[in-house]
Amino acid sequence: MNRLEQRIKDYENLDCPKIVVGNKAEDMDAREVYMENGMVFSDKYGMEYYETRLRSVKHNDGIEETLSSLIIQIIRRIPEPPDASMLLDSNIKIGYDLTREENIAYRKALFEPKIPDELRQKLTNKMDWL
């Protein structure tokens, strides 16, 4: 845990999702860190804690949940582009070409969410346990 604590300090200014993952959770005798200690440690730094076990390719308990949570955290950090009407109402000049009717595709590319609704819905449905 000391090495992990040092890593956290090394990267504390890095603005990215961070989680704590306990691995090899199936072998209680070989454990170096117990689940309770991992949870207390992760709470101390405001991180989520996960337990994983990789017994075989078919049995990878906790890995999907762990990676899914991390992906959701990353997606939530992607800023949504502002509504074009908000920009226009605030006297921000965005250029004549953008306001012309024939440039609808250009406006959509600039102001529509980067994550397609279908993908966002699939992720939301799959991760409803969060």
Protein backbone atom coordinates (compact mmCIF):
# COMPACT_ATOMS: atom_id res chain seq x y z
CA MET A 1 0.00 0.00 0.00
CA ASN A 2 2.95 2.33 0.57
CA ARG A 3 3.87 2.21 -3.12
CA LEU A 4 0.27 2.94 -4.07
CA GLU A 5 0.16 5.89 -1.71
CA GLN A 6 3.31 7.28 -3.32
CA ARG A 7 1.82 6.79 -6.81
CA ILE A 8 -1.29 8.70 -5.76
CA LYS A 9 0.88 11.57 -4.51
CA ASP A 10 2.91 11.52 -7.74
CA TYR A 11 -0.23 11.90 -9.84
CA GLU A 12 -2.48 13.94 -7.53
CA ASN A 13 -2.46 16.94 -9.89
CA LEU A 14 -3.42 14.83 -12.89
CA ASP A 15 -7.10 15.44 -13.62
CA CYS A 16 -8.28 11.96 -14.53
CA PRO A 17 -10.42 9.23 -12.96
CA LYS A 18 -8.59 7.08 -10.44
CA ILE A 19 -9.74 3.82 -8.86
CA VAL A 20 -8.21 1.21 -6.55
CA VAL A 21 -8.35 -2.41 -7.70
CA GLY A 22 -7.62 -5.41 -5.51
CA ASN A 23 -6.56 -8.40 -7.61
CA LYS A 24 -6.38 -12.13 -6.89
CA ALA A 25 -9.33 -11.86 -4.52
CA GLU A 26 -10.02 -15.61 -4.71
CA ASP A 27 -6.95 -16.71 -2.74
CA MET A 28 -7.48 -15.53 0.85
CA ASP A 29 -4.21 -17.07 2.07
CA ALA A 30 -2.10 -15.28 -0.55
CA ARG A 31 -3.74 -11.89 0.00
CA GLU A 32 -1.44 -9.03 0.88
CA VAL A 33 -4.26 -6.52 1.41
CA TYR A 34 -7.67 -7.38 2.79
CA MET A 35 -10.82 -5.96 1.25
CA GLU A 36 -11.61 -3.81 4.30
CA ASN A 37 -8.16 -2.21 4.18
CA GLY A 38 -8.51 -1.55 0.46
CA MET A 39 -11.89 0.10 0.99
CA VAL A 40 -10.59 2.31 3.81
CA PHE A 41 -7.59 3.27 1.67
CA SER A 42 -9.72 4.13 -1.38
CA ASP A 43 -12.16 6.15 0.78
CA LYS A 44 -9.23 8.12 2.19
CA TYR A 45 -8.40 9.34 -1.33
CA GLY A 46 -11.99 9.60 -2.61
CA MET A 47 -11.64 6.70 -5.04
CA GLU A 48 -13.84 3.72 -5.81
CA TYR A 49 -12.60 0.29 -4.75
CA TYR A 50 -13.04 -2.91 -6.77
CA GLU A 51 -12.08 -6.53 -6.25
CA THR A 52 -11.16 -8.65 -9.27
CA ARG A 53 -10.21 -12.25 -9.87
CA LEU A 54 -8.92 -13.68 -13.09
CA ARG A 55 -9.17 -17.43 -12.77
CA SER A 56 -9.43 -18.05 -16.49
CA VAL A 57 -10.58 -16.36 -19.66
CA LYS A 58 -14.14 -17.54 -18.92
CA HIS A 59 -14.09 -16.52 -15.25
CA ASN A 60 -12.95 -12.92 -14.90
CA ASP A 61 -15.03 -11.80 -11.94
CA GLY A 62 -15.18 -8.08 -11.31
CA ILE A 63 -13.13 -7.04 -14.31
CA GLU A 64 -16.06 -5.97 -16.50
CA GLU A 65 -17.61 -3.97 -13.66
CA THR A 66 -14.27 -2.33 -12.86
CA LEU A 67 -13.50 -1.31 -16.44
CA SER A 68 -17.09 -0.23 -17.08
CA SER A 69 -17.01 2.07 -14.08
CA LEU A 70 -13.75 3.60 -15.24
CA ILE A 71 -15.12 4.12 -18.75
CA ILE A 72 -18.27 5.77 -17.34
CA GLN A 73 -16.11 8.12 -15.26
CA ILE A 74 -14.13 9.07 -18.36
CA ILE A 75 -17.27 9.63 -20.44
CA ARG A 76 -18.80 11.81 -17.73
CA ARG A 77 -15.75 14.08 -17.93
CA ILE A 78 -16.22 14.75 -21.65
CA PRO A 79 -17.69 18.24 -21.82
CA GLU A 80 -20.91 18.66 -23.70
CA PRO A 81 -20.73 21.38 -26.33
CA PRO A 82 -22.91 24.40 -25.55
CA ASP A 83 -26.24 24.93 -27.24
CA ALA A 84 -25.72 27.20 -30.26
CA SER A 85 -28.55 29.48 -29.15
CA MET A 86 -26.69 30.15 -25.89
CA LEU A 87 -23.68 31.35 -27.84
CA LEU A 88 -25.74 33.54 -30.13
CA ASP A 89 -27.73 35.06 -27.25
CA SER A 90 -24.55 36.01 -25.39
CA ASN A 91 -23.16 38.18 -28.23
CA ILE A 92 -20.35 35.75 -28.96
CA LYS A 93 -19.34 36.06 -32.60
CA ILE A 94 -19.07 32.63 -34.17
CA GLY A 95 -18.81 33.67 -37.79
CA TYR A 96 -21.16 34.44 -40.64
CA ASP A 97 -20.76 31.04 -42.31
CA LEU A 98 -22.01 29.24 -39.24
CA THR A 99 -25.27 31.20 -39.20
CA ARG A 100 -26.15 30.54 -42.83
CA GLU A 101 -28.86 27.97 -43.50
CA GLU A 102 -26.79 25.87 -45.93
CA ASN A 103 -24.27 25.10 -43.17
CA ILE A 104 -26.56 22.96 -41.03
CA ALA A 105 -24.17 19.97 -41.11
CA TYR A 106 -21.33 22.18 -39.91
CA ARG A 107 -23.43 23.50 -37.02
CA LYS A 108 -24.47 19.98 -36.06
CA ALA A 109 -20.85 18.84 -36.02
CA LEU A 110 -19.95 21.70 -33.68
CA PHE A 111 -22.87 21.67 -31.30
CA GLU A 112 -24.29 18.16 -31.10
CA PRO A 113 -23.13 15.87 -28.29
CA LYS A 114 -20.04 13.87 -29.18
CA ILE A 115 -21.50 10.62 -27.90
CA PRO A 116 -24.29 9.39 -30.19
CA ASP A 117 -27.62 8.93 -28.38
CA GLU A 118 -27.72 5.22 -29.25
CA LEU A 119 -24.32 4.63 -27.65
CA ARG A 120 -25.18 6.79 -24.65
CA GLN A 121 -28.41 4.80 -24.14
CA LYS A 122 -26.60 1.46 -24.45
CA LEU A 123 -24.02 2.56 -21.88
CA THR A 124 -26.72 3.85 -19.55
CA ASN A 125 -28.74 0.63 -19.82
CA LYS A 126 -25.68 -1.57 -19.35
CA MET A 127 -24.42 0.43 -16.39
CA ASP A 128 -27.73 0.97 -14.57
CA TRP A 129 -26.15 -0.60 -11.50
CA LEU A 130 -24.01 2.51 -10.95
